[in-house]
Amino acid sequence: MKKRVSFIKQDRTIISEKVKEAFSSVLPITLIVLVLCFTIIPIESGVFLSFILGAVFVIVGMGLFTLGADTAMTPIGEYVGTTVMRTKKLWIIIPICFLVGVLITISEPDLQVLATQLANTINNWTLIIAIGVGVGVFLVIAFLRIVLKIKLSYLLIIFYTAVFVLAFFVPQTFIPLAFDSGGVTTGPMSVPFIIAIGTGVASMRSDKSAETDGFGLTALCSIGPILSVMILGIIYKPENFEVSANVFANVGDSRELVYAFAKQLPHYLMEVGIALLPIVAFFFIFKLFGQKISSAELVRIIIGVLYTYLGLVLFLLGVNVGFLPVGSYLGSSIGGLDFNWIIVPIGMVIGYFVVAAEPAVHVLTKQVYEITSGAIPKKALRFSLMIGVAVSVGLAMLRILLHIPILYFLVPGYLIAIVLTFVVPDIFTAIAFDSGGVASGAMTASFLLPLALGVCSAVGGNVATEGFGVVAMVAMTPLITIQILGLVYKLKTQKLKAKEQPALDFADDEIIE
């Protein structure tokens, strides 16, 4: 008990710092929405207050979640990864990897958000389980890649070629949804776990490329859902599907405002509990058969799980009750304006800042910084992501206004990303494709997707083929921007080596003389 109290006391300062970071991340989005509400898109006071309270929950929730990810989810993932690899038996590793992939995907809150956007088309659990199976299969492939030392770019070329070939046989209504599914599965629950597992597995190797191979699991796990949903599309062959309406909470006073959030609280308490339970259960099962850990470390992990649980509950409550309805309302209102083209620059500004509010982005940038020993600064990586997402959201909104098929953007985009893999250092390729899935997380699914669906409905577009797809666009552009960052890093390194070389040659000449 004393140790637990001391841990909590130590965490108070860290929680304060995490909340400050979350505040700086969410504040720009909140200010953008406020400016729109006070200028071109006025909203009811009740909806406005729901959004403000939702922003508070998002900030506190993100702060607690990132602390929990550091103290619990990452250590658990590394522990599971190292324990599995210590067996050195593929017949044990493969089914465990598959099961882990399915469970963490089913528990992913972002996927739940996407599934609830569909109505009367396909059973939610059919979609979720199919996507989970896709992630499970590709997590196995990702593990085998690390064990067999297969270059990531080779697998990316093979599987993305398969994706775009299969796209010709899939109903057009399912293509944007399929690519969106690939983005939402790698969210705040799965990313810390998957990346940590990859790091744990790679740590069992002592060769030079071990650290680089620790990345790339998220990249491969994003492909599985795309293929799974495409196969569902071929089976169901729907001509179109409906989108669930985002209903505003009817808030008349402060008591009704509190009730609107309290009413949804039990749902998210249960949802996040179900999400965390399989992962925690897996940890304790592995603890029975794996290497021992100290009681102090165990207490630390349990407290971290509690932080993660509380953080995700508050985050999802704020996002879904406060952010999601406002995103839908803003989209439909702006789409109905005579100058609705303004959604393109507005979307770019929102996209630029929304990636900073993604919890999984904070996890990725921290782990990249630590594993590369500071060679890839957090600010550079985050800025590259923000630029990429800004461009992608702008293009997504332009696509909706001009009714352009999504493959016209995805095919050349992924082609450029694949070509860059041949000239960029392997570590940047792995991080880039991981970043694509990480950037398209909870905020994208809960704010940008409703925004896009609202715009699409207002301009009379087909929500199946044009409204969906913004998550896919957000997941694509970081593949290019991060690799361009890697190319710049490579050129600078070569230039520095070229400057140092003449000095070394001169010194050698003096020694010879």
Protein backbone atom coordinates (compact mmCIF):
# COMPACT_ATOMS: atom_id res chain seq x y z
CA MET A 1 0.00 0.00 0.00
CA LYS A 2 2.85 2.40 0.86
CA LYS A 3 4.50 1.71 -2.49
CA ARG A 4 1.23 2.39 -4.28
CA VAL A 5 0.81 5.72 -2.48
CA SER A 6 4.40 6.71 -3.30
CA PHE A 7 3.86 5.89 -6.96
CA ILE A 8 0.76 8.10 -7.05
CA LYS A 9 2.64 10.95 -5.40
CA GLN A 10 5.44 10.65 -7.95
CA ASP A 11 2.89 10.68 -10.77
CA ARG A 12 1.21 13.93 -9.69
CA THR A 13 3.93 16.06 -11.28
CA ILE A 14 3.97 13.88 -14.38
CA ILE A 15 0.16 14.05 -14.69
CA SER A 16 0.36 17.84 -14.51
CA GLU A 17 2.93 17.87 -17.33
CA LYS A 18 0.89 15.44 -19.45
CA VAL A 19 -2.28 17.50 -19.02
CA LYS A 20 -0.37 20.65 -20.05
CA GLU A 21 0.85 18.85 -23.19
CA ALA A 22 -2.70 17.70 -23.93
CA PHE A 23 -4.01 21.24 -23.38
CA SER A 24 -1.52 22.66 -25.89
CA SER A 25 -2.56 19.95 -28.39
CA VAL A 26 -6.35 20.34 -28.09
CA LEU A 27 -6.44 24.13 -27.67
CA PRO A 28 -5.85 24.97 -31.39
CA ILE A 29 -8.73 22.72 -32.53
CA THR A 30 -11.01 24.19 -29.88
CA LEU A 31 -10.12 27.74 -30.93
CA ILE A 32 -10.76 26.95 -34.61
CA VAL A 33 -14.21 25.58 -33.78
CA LEU A 34 -14.96 28.60 -31.58
CA VAL A 35 -13.97 31.02 -34.35
CA LEU A 36 -16.28 29.20 -36.78
CA CYS A 37 -19.12 29.20 -34.24
CA PHE A 38 -18.79 32.94 -33.59
CA THR A 39 -18.51 33.87 -37.30
CA ILE A 40 -19.96 31.87 -40.19
CA ILE A 41 -21.54 28.87 -38.40
CA PRO A 42 -23.45 29.87 -35.23
CA ILE A 43 -24.62 26.96 -33.08
CA GLU A 44 -27.03 26.59 -30.17
CA SER A 45 -25.70 27.45 -26.72
CA GLY A 46 -26.37 23.93 -25.42
CA VAL A 47 -24.30 22.32 -28.19
CA PHE A 48 -21.61 24.93 -27.64
CA LEU A 49 -21.39 24.14 -23.91
CA SER A 50 -21.29 20.39 -24.68
CA PHE A 51 -18.32 21.00 -26.95
CA ILE A 52 -16.47 23.04 -24.29
CA LEU A 53 -17.04 20.42 -21.59
CA GLY A 54 -16.06 17.72 -24.09
CA ALA A 55 -12.77 19.56 -24.72
CA VAL A 56 -12.03 19.54 -20.97
CA PHE A 57 -12.64 15.78 -20.82
CA VAL A 58 -10.45 15.24 -23.88
CA ILE A 59 -7.56 17.20 -22.33
CA VAL A 60 -7.67 15.43 -18.95
CA GLY A 61 -8.29 12.06 -20.58
CA MET A 62 -5.38 12.43 -22.98
CA GLY A 63 -3.04 13.39 -20.14
CA LEU A 64 -3.99 10.35 -18.06
CA PHE A 65 -3.89 8.04 -21.07
CA THR A 66 -0.38 9.03 -22.16
CA LEU A 67 0.86 8.49 -18.60
CA GLY A 68 -0.83 5.09 -18.53
CA ALA A 69 0.66 4.16 -21.89
CA ASP A 70 4.15 4.96 -20.57
CA THR A 71 3.76 3.09 -17.28
CA ALA A 72 1.59 0.13 -18.30
CA MET A 73 0.78 -0.51 -21.96
CA THR A 74 4.33 -0.16 -23.27
CA PRO A 75 5.91 -2.38 -20.56
CA ILE A 76 3.16 -4.99 -21.01
CA GLY A 77 3.70 -5.06 -24.78
CA GLU A 78 7.47 -5.42 -24.40
CA TYR A 79 7.00 -8.16 -21.78
CA VAL A 80 4.62 -10.14 -24.01
CA GLY A 81 6.93 -9.73 -27.02
CA THR A 82 10.08 -10.91 -25.22
CA THR A 83 8.25 -13.76 -23.46
CA VAL A 84 6.82 -15.10 -26.71
CA MET A 85 10.18 -14.93 -28.47
CA ARG A 86 11.97 -16.72 -25.64
CA THR A 87 10.02 -19.88 -26.49
CA LYS A 88 11.65 -19.92 -29.96
CA LYS A 89 8.81 -22.18 -31.12
CA LEU A 90 6.79 -21.00 -34.11
CA TRP A 91 3.84 -23.26 -33.24
CA ILE A 92 3.46 -21.21 -30.03
CA ILE A 93 4.39 -17.80 -31.45
CA ILE A 94 2.04 -17.84 -34.46
CA PRO A 95 -1.31 -18.58 -32.69
CA ILE A 96 -0.47 -16.21 -29.83
CA CYS A 97 0.35 -13.39 -32.27
CA PHE A 98 -2.88 -14.02 -34.14
CA LEU A 99 -4.95 -14.02 -30.95
CA VAL A 100 -3.28 -10.84 -29.66
CA GLY A 101 -3.98 -9.11 -32.99
CA VAL A 102 -7.67 -10.07 -32.95
CA LEU A 103 -8.23 -9.11 -29.30
CA ILE A 104 -6.55 -5.70 -29.37
CA THR A 105 -8.41 -4.85 -32.60
CA ILE A 106 -11.81 -5.84 -31.26
CA SER A 107 -11.07 -3.66 -28.22
CA GLU A 108 -9.94 -0.65 -30.28
CA PRO A 109 -12.25 2.33 -29.52
CA ASP A 110 -11.61 3.94 -32.93
CA LEU A 111 -13.03 0.90 -34.69
CA GLN A 112 -16.16 1.10 -32.54
CA VAL A 113 -16.57 4.74 -33.67
CA LEU A 114 -16.31 3.78 -37.35
CA ALA A 115 -18.71 0.84 -36.99
CA THR A 116 -21.37 3.03 -35.36
CA GLN A 117 -21.28 5.38 -38.37
CA LEU A 118 -22.86 2.63 -40.50
CA ALA A 119 -26.57 1.85 -40.40
CA ASN A 120 -28.58 -1.13 -41.70
CA THR A 121 -25.81 -2.29 -44.04
CA ILE A 122 -23.65 -4.83 -42.28
CA ASN A 123 -23.73 -6.07 -38.72
CA ASN A 124 -21.27 -4.10 -36.56
CA TRP A 125 -19.72 -7.18 -35.03
CA THR A 126 -19.34 -8.88 -38.42
CA LEU A 127 -17.31 -5.88 -39.56
CA ILE A 128 -15.30 -5.66 -36.31
CA ILE A 129 -14.44 -9.37 -36.15
CA ALA A 130 -13.49 -9.48 -39.84
CA ILE A 131 -11.15 -6.53 -39.32
CA GLY A 132 -9.75 -8.19 -36.18
CA VAL A 133 -8.94 -11.35 -38.13
CA GLY A 134 -7.18 -9.22 -40.75
CA VAL A 135 -5.01 -7.57 -38.10
CA GLY A 136 -4.30 -10.94 -36.46
CA VAL A 137 -3.08 -12.46 -39.73
CA PHE A 138 -0.83 -9.51 -40.50
CA LEU A 139 0.55 -9.32 -36.97
CA VAL A 140 1.73 -12.89 -37.52
CA ILE A 141 3.31 -11.82 -40.81
CA ALA A 142 4.94 -8.86 -39.05
CA PHE A 143 6.43 -11.15 -36.39
CA LEU A 144 7.74 -13.58 -38.98
CA ARG A 145 9.30 -10.65 -40.85
CA ILE A 146 11.32 -9.74 -37.76
CA VAL A 147 12.32 -13.34 -37.08
CA LEU A 148 13.24 -14.10 -40.70
CA LYS A 149 14.83 -10.62 -41.24
CA ILE A 150 12.72 -9.83 -44.32
CA LYS A 151 12.98 -6.25 -45.57
CA LEU A 152 9.79 -4.31 -44.82
CA SER A 153 9.66 -2.55 -48.19
CA TYR A 154 9.41 -5.90 -50.02
CA LEU A 155 6.30 -6.88 -48.05
CA LEU A 156 4.75 -3.43 -48.47
CA ILE A 157 5.16 -3.63 -52.25
CA ILE A 158 3.65 -7.13 -52.40
CA PHE A 159 0.65 -6.50 -50.17
CA TYR A 160 -0.27 -3.03 -51.43
CA THR A 161 -0.10 -4.37 -54.98
CA ALA A 162 -2.55 -7.08 -53.87
CA VAL A 163 -4.79 -4.41 -52.28
CA PHE A 164 -5.06 -2.30 -55.44
CA VAL A 165 -5.53 -5.34 -57.68
CA LEU A 166 -8.35 -6.57 -55.42
CA ALA A 167 -9.91 -3.09 -55.52
CA PHE A 168 -10.95 -3.70 -59.15
CA PHE A 169 -13.27 -6.53 -57.99
CA VAL A 170 -14.77 -4.73 -54.97
CA PRO A 171 -17.97 -2.64 -55.16
CA GLN A 172 -17.08 1.05 -55.29
CA THR A 173 -19.17 1.69 -52.17
CA PHE A 174 -16.82 -0.43 -50.06
CA ILE A 175 -13.44 0.90 -51.22
CA PRO A 176 -13.34 4.10 -49.09
CA LEU A 177 -14.66 2.17 -46.07
CA ALA A 178 -11.98 -0.49 -46.56
CA PHE A 179 -9.14 2.04 -46.57
CA ASP A 180 -10.70 3.90 -43.62
CA SER A 181 -10.73 0.60 -41.70
CA GLY A 182 -6.99 0.30 -42.15
CA GLY A 183 -6.51 3.66 -40.47
CA VAL A 184 -8.84 3.36 -37.48
CA THR A 185 -7.58 -0.03 -36.31
CA THR A 186 -4.26 1.47 -35.25
CA GLY A 187 -5.48 3.79 -32.51
CA PRO A 188 -4.77 4.67 -28.87
CA MET A 189 -5.22 1.11 -27.59
CA SER A 190 -3.39 -0.93 -30.20
CA VAL A 191 -0.47 1.33 -31.16
CA PRO A 192 1.35 1.35 -27.78
CA PHE A 193 0.86 -2.40 -27.52
CA ILE A 194 1.90 -3.27 -31.09
CA ILE A 195 4.96 -1.00 -31.13
CA ALA A 196 6.07 -2.28 -27.73
CA ILE A 197 5.67 -5.89 -28.86
CA GLY A 198 7.80 -5.15 -31.92
CA THR A 199 10.45 -3.53 -29.74
CA GLY A 200 10.41 -6.51 -27.37
CA VAL A 201 10.76 -9.01 -30.21
CA ALA A 202 13.53 -7.02 -31.91
CA SER A 203 15.44 -6.75 -28.61
CA MET A 204 15.93 -10.52 -28.69
CA ARG A 205 18.13 -10.03 -31.74
CA SER A 206 21.63 -8.60 -31.49
CA ASP A 207 22.28 -7.77 -35.15
CA LYS A 208 22.66 -4.24 -36.52
CA SER A 209 19.17 -3.95 -38.05
CA ALA A 210 17.28 -5.20 -34.97
CA GLU A 211 16.15 -1.74 -33.82
CA THR A 212 14.93 -0.80 -37.29
CA ASP A 213 12.95 -4.04 -37.59
CA GLY A 214 11.18 -3.19 -34.33
CA PHE A 215 9.17 -0.68 -36.34
CA GLY A 216 6.81 -1.65 -39.15
CA LEU A 217 4.33 -3.79 -37.22
CA THR A 218 1.71 -1.04 -37.26
CA ALA A 219 2.33 -0.53 -40.98
CA LEU A 220 1.64 -4.17 -41.81
CA CYS A 221 -1.29 -4.45 -39.38
CA SER A 222 -2.97 -1.57 -41.25
CA ILE A 223 -3.10 -3.66 -44.45
CA GLY A 224 -5.07 -6.57 -42.97
CA PRO A 225 -8.30 -4.60 -42.34
CA ILE A 226 -8.26 -3.18 -45.88
CA LEU A 227 -8.17 -6.66 -47.39
CA SER A 228 -10.76 -7.99 -44.90
CA VAL A 229 -13.32 -5.27 -45.65
CA MET A 230 -12.73 -5.62 -49.39
CA ILE A 231 -13.49 -9.35 -49.10
CA LEU A 232 -16.66 -8.47 -47.13
CA GLY A 233 -17.60 -6.10 -49.95
CA ILE A 234 -17.23 -8.88 -52.51
CA ILE A 235 -19.40 -11.18 -50.37
CA TYR A 236 -22.17 -8.67 -49.52
CA LYS A 237 -22.04 -6.61 -52.76
CA PRO A 238 -24.01 -3.62 -51.40
CA GLU A 239 -25.01 -0.95 -53.90
CA ASN A 240 -25.03 1.69 -51.16
CA PHE A 241 -25.25 2.01 -47.38
CA GLU A 242 -26.76 4.40 -44.91
CA VAL A 243 -24.89 6.51 -42.37
CA SER A 244 -26.05 6.82 -38.77
CA ALA A 245 -27.21 10.30 -37.79
CA ASN A 246 -25.21 12.14 -35.13
CA VAL A 247 -27.89 13.49 -32.80
CA PHE A 248 -27.19 16.50 -30.59
CA ALA A 249 -27.87 16.22 -26.90
CA ASN A 250 -30.86 18.39 -26.01
CA VAL A 251 -29.23 20.65 -23.42
CA GLY A 252 -31.30 23.46 -21.91
CA ASP A 253 -29.45 24.18 -18.68
CA SER A 254 -26.39 23.16 -16.66
CA ARG A 255 -28.15 20.16 -15.10
CA GLU A 256 -29.12 18.78 -18.51
CA LEU A 257 -25.56 19.34 -19.70
CA VAL A 258 -24.19 17.18 -16.88
CA TYR A 259 -26.92 14.59 -17.51
CA ALA A 260 -26.01 14.37 -21.23
CA PHE A 261 -22.47 13.30 -20.29
CA ALA A 262 -23.49 11.18 -17.29
CA LYS A 263 -25.96 9.26 -19.46
CA GLN A 264 -23.14 8.10 -21.77
CA LEU A 265 -20.60 7.45 -19.00
CA PRO A 266 -21.68 3.83 -18.21
CA HIS A 267 -21.36 2.92 -21.90
CA TYR A 268 -17.73 4.07 -22.10
CA LEU A 269 -16.88 2.62 -18.69
CA MET A 270 -17.97 -0.75 -20.04
CA GLU A 271 -16.47 -0.27 -23.53
CA VAL A 272 -13.01 0.66 -22.25
CA GLY A 273 -13.19 -2.07 -19.61
CA ILE A 274 -13.86 -4.63 -22.34
CA ALA A 275 -11.02 -3.10 -24.34
CA LEU A 276 -8.46 -3.38 -21.55
CA LEU A 277 -9.54 -6.71 -20.07
CA PRO A 278 -8.05 -9.01 -22.78
CA ILE A 279 -4.72 -7.18 -22.69
CA VAL A 280 -4.49 -7.28 -18.88
CA ALA A 281 -5.55 -10.94 -18.86
CA PHE A 282 -2.88 -11.73 -21.44
CA PHE A 283 -0.28 -10.03 -19.27
CA PHE A 284 -1.13 -12.07 -16.17
CA ILE A 285 -1.22 -15.32 -18.17
CA PHE A 286 2.23 -14.56 -19.56
CA LYS A 287 3.40 -13.62 -16.07
CA LEU A 288 2.63 -17.17 -14.90
CA PHE A 289 4.79 -18.75 -17.60
CA GLY A 290 7.26 -15.97 -18.40
CA GLN A 291 10.09 -14.28 -16.58
CA LYS A 292 9.38 -12.91 -13.14
CA ILE A 293 8.94 -9.21 -12.43
CA SER A 294 9.30 -7.42 -9.13
CA SER A 295 6.28 -6.61 -6.99
CA ALA A 296 7.09 -2.90 -7.26
CA GLU A 297 7.03 -3.10 -11.06
CA LEU A 298 3.78 -5.08 -10.95
CA VAL A 299 2.15 -2.43 -8.75
CA ARG A 300 3.42 0.23 -11.13
CA ILE A 301 1.84 -1.54 -14.12
CA ILE A 302 -1.50 -1.98 -12.31
CA ILE A 303 -1.60 1.74 -11.45
CA GLY A 304 -0.69 2.50 -15.09
CA VAL A 305 -3.61 0.36 -16.28
CA LEU A 306 -5.93 2.38 -14.03
CA TYR A 307 -4.57 5.62 -15.53
CA THR A 308 -5.10 4.20 -19.03
CA TYR A 309 -8.65 3.11 -18.19
CA LEU A 310 -9.72 6.41 -16.68
CA GLY A 311 -7.95 8.41 -19.40
CA LEU A 312 -9.61 6.55 -22.26
CA VAL A 313 -13.05 6.78 -20.64
CA LEU A 314 -12.76 10.56 -20.28
CA PHE A 315 -11.21 10.93 -23.75
CA LEU A 316 -13.91 8.93 -25.55
CA LEU A 317 -16.68 10.57 -23.53
CA GLY A 318 -15.44 14.04 -24.50
CA VAL A 319 -14.84 13.13 -28.13
CA ASN A 320 -18.13 11.33 -28.77
CA VAL A 321 -20.50 13.54 -26.77
CA GLY A 322 -18.79 16.89 -27.34
CA PHE A 323 -16.70 16.70 -30.52
CA LEU A 324 -18.45 14.25 -32.87
CA PRO A 325 -21.86 16.01 -33.14
CA VAL A 326 -20.17 19.41 -33.59
CA GLY A 327 -17.98 18.02 -36.38
CA SER A 328 -21.05 16.69 -38.20
CA TYR A 329 -22.96 19.96 -37.71
CA LEU A 330 -20.07 22.13 -38.93
CA GLY A 331 -19.59 19.94 -42.00
CA SER A 332 -23.23 20.05 -43.06
CA SER A 333 -23.48 23.80 -42.35
CA ILE A 334 -20.32 24.74 -44.28
CA GLY A 335 -21.26 22.37 -47.12
CA GLY A 336 -24.57 24.23 -47.48
CA LEU A 337 -22.93 27.65 -47.89
CA ASP A 338 -22.69 29.37 -51.29
CA PHE A 339 -18.94 29.60 -50.72
CA ASN A 340 -18.58 26.00 -49.49
CA TRP A 341 -15.10 25.84 -51.07
CA ILE A 342 -13.93 27.41 -47.79
CA ILE A 343 -14.08 23.91 -46.26
CA VAL A 344 -10.80 23.10 -48.08
CA PRO A 345 -8.60 25.64 -46.24
CA ILE A 346 -10.60 25.14 -43.03
CA GLY A 347 -10.09 21.39 -43.33
CA MET A 348 -6.35 21.87 -43.85
CA VAL A 349 -6.06 24.03 -40.73
CA ILE A 350 -8.07 21.52 -38.67
CA GLY A 351 -6.03 18.63 -40.09
CA TYR A 352 -2.77 20.40 -39.23
CA PHE A 353 -3.70 20.60 -35.56
CA VAL A 354 -5.85 17.49 -35.16
CA VAL A 355 -2.87 15.13 -35.46
CA ALA A 356 -1.26 16.78 -32.43
CA ALA A 357 -4.33 15.78 -30.41
CA GLU A 358 -4.02 12.09 -31.28
CA PRO A 359 -2.92 10.11 -28.18
CA ALA A 360 -1.17 7.45 -30.28
CA VAL A 361 0.99 10.12 -31.99
CA HIS A 362 2.51 11.05 -28.62
CA VAL A 363 3.33 7.38 -27.99
CA LEU A 364 4.96 6.96 -31.41
CA THR A 365 7.08 10.14 -31.30
CA LYS A 366 8.35 9.28 -27.81
CA GLN A 367 9.33 5.73 -28.75
CA VAL A 368 10.96 6.87 -32.02
CA TYR A 369 12.99 9.49 -30.14
CA GLU A 370 14.16 6.97 -27.54
CA ILE A 371 14.99 4.13 -29.93
CA THR A 372 16.87 6.40 -32.37
CA SER A 373 18.71 8.08 -29.44
CA GLY A 374 17.42 11.49 -30.50
CA ALA A 375 18.51 11.16 -34.15
CA ILE A 376 14.86 11.79 -35.14
CA PRO A 377 13.65 14.73 -32.99
CA LYS A 378 10.07 14.71 -31.70
CA LYS A 379 9.36 18.16 -33.18
CA ALA A 380 10.57 17.20 -36.66
CA LEU A 381 8.51 14.02 -36.70
CA ARG A 382 5.40 15.76 -35.35
CA PHE A 383 5.75 18.67 -37.79
CA SER A 384 6.06 16.25 -40.73
CA LEU A 385 2.91 14.48 -39.58
CA MET A 386 1.02 17.76 -39.18
CA ILE A 387 1.96 18.91 -42.70
CA GLY A 388 1.00 15.55 -44.17
CA VAL A 389 -2.38 15.44 -42.45
CA ALA A 390 -3.15 19.06 -43.41
CA VAL A 391 -2.57 18.23 -47.08
CA SER A 392 -4.59 15.03 -46.85
CA VAL A 393 -7.64 16.66 -45.25
CA GLY A 394 -7.55 19.49 -47.81
CA LEU A 395 -7.48 16.95 -50.63
CA ALA A 396 -10.26 14.91 -48.98
CA MET A 397 -12.55 17.96 -48.82
CA LEU A 398 -11.69 18.92 -52.40
CA ARG A 399 -12.51 15.37 -53.47
CA ILE A 400 -15.96 15.64 -51.86
CA LEU A 401 -16.74 18.98 -53.52
CA LEU A 402 -15.61 17.80 -56.97
CA HIS A 403 -16.96 14.21 -56.60
CA ILE A 404 -13.58 12.63 -57.44
CA PRO A 405 -13.17 8.84 -56.87
CA ILE A 406 -10.79 8.11 -54.00
CA LEU A 407 -8.55 5.79 -56.02
CA TYR A 408 -7.49 8.80 -58.12
CA PHE A 409 -5.66 9.98 -54.98
CA LEU A 410 -4.71 6.70 -53.30
CA VAL A 411 -3.08 5.00 -56.29
CA PRO A 412 -0.56 7.79 -57.11
CA GLY A 413 -0.07 8.52 -53.39
CA TYR A 414 0.88 4.98 -52.47
CA LEU A 415 2.93 4.66 -55.66
CA ILE A 416 5.04 7.66 -54.60
CA ALA A 417 5.37 6.23 -51.09
CA ILE A 418 6.53 2.85 -52.43
CA VAL A 419 9.06 4.46 -54.81
CA LEU A 420 10.53 6.45 -51.91
CA THR A 421 11.24 3.20 -50.02
CA PHE A 422 14.06 2.50 -52.49
CA VAL A 423 15.98 5.72 -51.67
CA VAL A 424 15.12 6.37 -48.01
CA PRO A 425 16.86 4.74 -45.00
CA ASP A 426 14.94 1.68 -43.79
CA ILE A 427 14.21 3.21 -40.37
CA PHE A 428 12.35 6.13 -41.99
CA THR A 429 10.32 3.80 -44.22
CA ALA A 430 9.22 1.77 -41.20
CA ILE A 431 8.38 4.89 -39.16
CA ALA A 432 6.56 6.50 -42.11
CA PHE A 433 4.23 3.55 -42.68
CA ASP A 434 3.68 3.23 -38.93
CA SER A 435 2.86 6.95 -38.78
CA GLY A 436 0.16 6.60 -41.42
CA GLY A 437 -1.88 4.35 -39.16
CA VAL A 438 -1.08 6.31 -36.01
CA ALA A 439 -2.12 9.70 -37.44
CA SER A 440 -5.59 8.40 -38.31
CA GLY A 441 -6.77 7.77 -34.77
CA ALA A 442 -9.59 8.71 -32.41
CA MET A 443 -9.75 12.42 -33.26
CA THR A 444 -9.80 11.66 -36.99
CA ALA A 445 -12.57 9.08 -36.67
CA SER A 446 -14.63 11.17 -34.25
CA PHE A 447 -14.20 14.68 -35.67
CA LEU A 448 -12.85 14.68 -39.23
CA LEU A 449 -14.99 11.76 -40.44
CA PRO A 450 -18.29 13.32 -39.23
CA LEU A 451 -17.10 16.64 -40.69
CA ALA A 452 -16.54 14.99 -44.09
CA LEU A 453 -19.85 13.09 -43.95
CA GLY A 454 -21.65 16.33 -43.11
CA VAL A 455 -20.09 18.16 -46.04
CA CYS A 456 -20.87 15.27 -48.38
CA SER A 457 -24.54 15.17 -47.36
CA ALA A 458 -24.87 18.94 -47.78
CA VAL A 459 -23.43 18.98 -51.33
CA GLY A 460 -25.55 16.01 -52.40
CA GLY A 461 -22.68 13.54 -52.74
CA ASN A 462 -22.70 9.79 -52.23
CA VAL A 463 -21.64 9.30 -48.60
CA ALA A 464 -20.47 5.75 -49.28
CA THR A 465 -18.03 6.62 -52.06
CA GLU A 466 -17.25 10.27 -51.21
CA GLY A 467 -18.05 10.89 -47.52
CA PHE A 468 -15.93 8.01 -46.31
CA GLY A 469 -12.26 8.08 -47.22
CA VAL A 470 -10.96 11.00 -45.15
CA VAL A 471 -9.35 8.55 -42.69
CA ALA A 472 -7.69 6.80 -45.62
CA MET A 473 -6.34 10.11 -46.93
CA VAL A 474 -5.00 11.01 -43.47
CA ALA A 475 -3.29 7.61 -43.30
CA MET A 476 -1.66 8.03 -46.72
CA THR A 477 0.14 11.40 -46.76
CA PRO A 478 2.41 10.78 -43.72
CA LEU A 479 3.92 7.90 -45.70
CA ILE A 480 5.27 10.50 -48.11
CA THR A 481 6.12 13.38 -45.75
CA ILE A 482 8.02 11.23 -43.21
CA GLN A 483 10.01 9.55 -45.98
CA ILE A 484 10.84 12.98 -47.42
CA LEU A 485 12.11 13.85 -43.92
CA GLY A 486 14.24 10.70 -44.11
CA LEU A 487 15.55 11.68 -47.54
CA VAL A 488 16.56 15.12 -46.22
CA TYR A 489 18.24 13.43 -43.25
CA LYS A 490 20.12 11.09 -45.62
CA LEU A 491 21.31 13.93 -47.88
CA LYS A 492 22.50 16.00 -44.90
CA THR A 493 24.39 13.02 -43.51
CA GLN A 494 26.07 12.41 -46.87
CA LYS A 495 27.00 16.08 -47.14
CA LEU A 496 28.60 16.06 -43.68
CA LYS A 497 30.58 12.93 -44.54
CA ALA A 498 31.74 14.54 -47.80
CA LYS A 499 33.04 17.59 -45.89
CA GLU A 500 34.89 15.43 -43.38
CA GLN A 501 36.49 13.17 -45.99
CA PRO A 502 39.03 15.69 -47.50
CA ALA A 503 40.30 16.54 -44.03
CA LEU A 504 40.86 12.86 -43.30
CA ASP A 505 42.63 12.35 -46.65
CA PHE A 506 44.93 15.31 -45.97
CA ALA A 507 45.83 13.92 -42.56
CA ASP A 508 46.64 10.55 -44.10
CA ASP A 509 48.95 12.20 -46.64
CA GLU A 510 50.89 13.92 -43.87
CA ILE A 511 51.35 10.61 -42.06
CA ILE A 512 52.64 8.95 -45.25
CA GLU A 513 55.16 11.70 -45.83
